[in-house]
């Protein structure tokens, strides 16, 4: 019985991540393939001011998806949510 709960959980997670990816592609007009080019750790907690900004928790691991012009990069968190993050809030070690 617990096996079925696990399968339902992973199905729901995949569905949520697909929904987040669709929202990301529509909002950012992103039509390239999503590839992780680097990983980073959030140095501090930052609340998002806009829907396109990714809220951060100190110590959170992020996948860097794309580099933008300026001081921001597009990242994805462990929940599958995408958004802009300022480079000054990230540690690339």
C-alpha atoms as a PDB file:
ATOM      1  CA  UNK A   1       0.000   0.000   0.000  1.00  0.00           C
ATOM      2  CA  UNK A   2       2.811   2.444   0.734  1.00  0.00           C
ATOM      3  CA  UNK A   3       4.239   1.755  -2.738  1.00  0.00           C
ATOM      4  CA  UNK A   4       1.137   3.267  -4.338  1.00  0.00           C
ATOM      5  CA  UNK A   5       1.447   6.423  -2.240  1.00  0.00           C
ATOM      6  CA  UNK A   6       5.026   6.828  -3.425  1.00  0.00           C
ATOM      7  CA  UNK A   7       3.993   6.443  -7.068  1.00  0.00           C
ATOM      8  CA  UNK A   8       1.180   8.970  -6.650  1.00  0.00           C
ATOM      9  CA  UNK A   9       3.597  11.383  -4.986  1.00  0.00           C
ATOM     10  CA  UNK A  10       6.110  11.161  -7.832  1.00  0.00           C
ATOM     11  CA  UNK A  11       3.327  11.536 -10.409  1.00  0.00           C
ATOM     12  CA  UNK A  12       2.046  14.660  -8.663  1.00  0.00           C
ATOM     13  CA  UNK A  13       5.583  16.043  -8.455  1.00  0.00           C
ATOM     14  CA  UNK A  14       6.175  15.473 -12.182  1.00  0.00           C
ATOM     15  CA  UNK A  15       2.858  17.123 -12.993  1.00  0.00           C
ATOM     16  CA  UNK A  16       3.717  20.146 -10.817  1.00  0.00           C
ATOM     17  CA  UNK A  17       7.181  20.457 -12.374  1.00  0.00           C
ATOM     18  CA  UNK A  18       5.639  20.283 -15.855  1.00  0.00           C
ATOM     19  CA  UNK A  19       3.227  23.046 -14.912  1.00  0.00           C
ATOM     20  CA  UNK A  20       6.102  25.189 -13.588  1.00  0.00           C
ATOM     21  CA  UNK A  21       8.099  24.593 -16.774  1.00  0.00           C
ATOM     22  CA  UNK A  22       5.136  25.587 -18.939  1.00  0.00           C
ATOM     23  CA  UNK A  23       4.647  28.769 -16.893  1.00  0.00           C
ATOM     24  CA  UNK A  24       8.380  29.519 -17.189  1.00  0.00           C
ATOM     25  CA  UNK A  25       8.404  29.080 -20.972  1.00  0.00           C
ATOM     26  CA  UNK A  26       5.347  31.321 -21.423  1.00  0.00           C
ATOM     27  CA  UNK A  27       6.471  34.036 -18.999  1.00  0.00           C
ATOM     28  CA  UNK A  28      10.116  34.221 -20.074  1.00  0.00           C
ATOM     29  CA  UNK A  29       9.394  33.452 -23.759  1.00  0.00           C
ATOM     30  CA  UNK A  30      12.047  30.735 -23.404  1.00  0.00           C
ATOM     31  CA  UNK A  31      12.082  28.363 -26.366  1.00  0.00           C
ATOM     32  CA  UNK A  32      15.563  26.823 -25.968  1.00  0.00           C
ATOM     33  CA  UNK A  33      16.159  23.407 -24.470  1.00  0.00           C
ATOM     34  CA  UNK A  34      16.483  23.577 -20.684  1.00  0.00           C
ATOM     35  CA  UNK A  35      20.018  22.525 -19.746  1.00  0.00           C
ATOM     36  CA  UNK A  36      21.714  22.959 -16.391  1.00  0.00           C
ATOM     37  CA  UNK A  37      24.943  24.871 -17.052  1.00  0.00           C
ATOM     38  CA  UNK A  38      26.030  25.157 -13.413  1.00  0.00           C
ATOM     39  CA  UNK A  39      24.873  24.683  -9.846  1.00  0.00           C
ATOM     40  CA  UNK A  40      24.996  27.235  -7.062  1.00  0.00           C
ATOM     41  CA  UNK A  41      24.076  27.650  -3.415  1.00  0.00           C
ATOM     42  CA  UNK A  42      22.031  30.577  -2.126  1.00  0.00           C
ATOM     43  CA  UNK A  43      24.102  32.631   0.303  1.00  0.00           C
ATOM     44  CA  UNK A  44      21.143  34.363   1.924  1.00  0.00           C
ATOM     45  CA  UNK A  45      17.365  34.266   2.079  1.00  0.00           C
ATOM     46  CA  UNK A  46      15.629  36.664  -0.292  1.00  0.00           C
ATOM     47  CA  UNK A  47      11.900  37.093  -0.826  1.00  0.00           C
ATOM     48  CA  UNK A  48      10.720  37.570  -4.389  1.00  0.00           C
ATOM     49  CA  UNK A  49       9.368  40.990  -5.286  1.00  0.00           C
ATOM     50  CA  UNK A  50       7.965  39.920  -8.661  1.00  0.00           C
ATOM     51  CA  UNK A  51       6.585  36.616  -9.938  1.00  0.00           C
ATOM     52  CA  UNK A  52       9.605  36.266 -12.243  1.00  0.00           C
ATOM     53  CA  UNK A  53      12.040  36.445  -9.292  1.00  0.00           C
ATOM     54  CA  UNK A  54      12.879  33.190  -7.544  1.00  0.00           C
ATOM     55  CA  UNK A  55      12.572  33.350  -3.738  1.00  0.00           C
ATOM     56  CA  UNK A  56      15.690  32.032  -2.008  1.00  0.00           C
ATOM     57  CA  UNK A  57      16.384  30.254   1.257  1.00  0.00           C
ATOM     58  CA  UNK A  58      19.932  30.391   2.620  1.00  0.00           C
ATOM     59  CA  UNK A  59      21.801  27.192   1.757  1.00  0.00           C
ATOM     60  CA  UNK A  60      19.350  26.152  -0.964  1.00  0.00           C
ATOM     61  CA  UNK A  61      20.842  24.362  -3.989  1.00  0.00           C
ATOM     62  CA  UNK A  62      19.903  25.862  -7.366  1.00  0.00           C
ATOM     63  CA  UNK A  63      20.408  24.794 -10.971  1.00  0.00           C
ATOM     64  CA  UNK A  64      21.603  27.635 -13.202  1.00  0.00           C
ATOM     65  CA  UNK A  65      19.701  27.369 -16.480  1.00  0.00           C
ATOM     66  CA  UNK A  66      20.772  30.463 -18.406  1.00  0.00           C
ATOM     67  CA  UNK A  67      22.830  33.630 -18.075  1.00  0.00           C
ATOM     68  CA  UNK A  68      21.163  36.948 -18.822  1.00  0.00           C
ATOM     69  CA  UNK A  69      22.587  40.332 -19.614  1.00  0.00           C
ATOM     70  CA  UNK A  70      23.324  42.191 -16.419  1.00  0.00           C
ATOM     71  CA  UNK A  71      23.669  40.765 -12.934  1.00  0.00           C
ATOM     72  CA  UNK A  72      20.941  38.102 -12.958  1.00  0.00           C
ATOM     73  CA  UNK A  73      20.799  34.438 -13.977  1.00  0.00           C
ATOM     74  CA  UNK A  74      17.816  32.166 -14.545  1.00  0.00           C
ATOM     75  CA  UNK A  75      17.709  29.396 -11.943  1.00  0.00           C
ATOM     76  CA  UNK A  76      15.539  26.433 -10.978  1.00  0.00           C
ATOM     77  CA  UNK A  77      15.041  25.309  -7.381  1.00  0.00           C
ATOM     78  CA  UNK A  78      14.405  21.787  -6.079  1.00  0.00           C
ATOM     79  CA  UNK A  79      10.625  22.295  -6.377  1.00  0.00           C
ATOM     80  CA  UNK A  80      10.964  22.922 -10.116  1.00  0.00           C
ATOM     81  CA  UNK A  81      10.217  26.636  -9.911  1.00  0.00           C
ATOM     82  CA  UNK A  82      12.134  28.979 -12.221  1.00  0.00           C
ATOM     83  CA  UNK A  83      13.079  32.633 -11.849  1.00  0.00           C
ATOM     84  CA  UNK A  84      15.691  35.341 -11.911  1.00  0.00           C
ATOM     85  CA  UNK A  85      18.342  35.393  -9.177  1.00  0.00           C
ATOM     86  CA  UNK A  86      20.981  38.065  -8.703  1.00  0.00           C
ATOM     87  CA  UNK A  87      24.514  36.672  -8.980  1.00  0.00           C
ATOM     88  CA  UNK A  88      25.492  38.477  -5.770  1.00  0.00           C
ATOM     89  CA  UNK A  89      23.159  36.129  -3.807  1.00  0.00           C
ATOM     90  CA  UNK A  90      24.811  32.952  -5.155  1.00  0.00           C
ATOM     91  CA  UNK A  91      27.920  30.964  -4.294  1.00  0.00           C
ATOM     92  CA  UNK A  92      29.304  28.919  -7.211  1.00  0.00           C
ATOM     93  CA  UNK A  93      31.772  26.771  -5.235  1.00  0.00           C
END
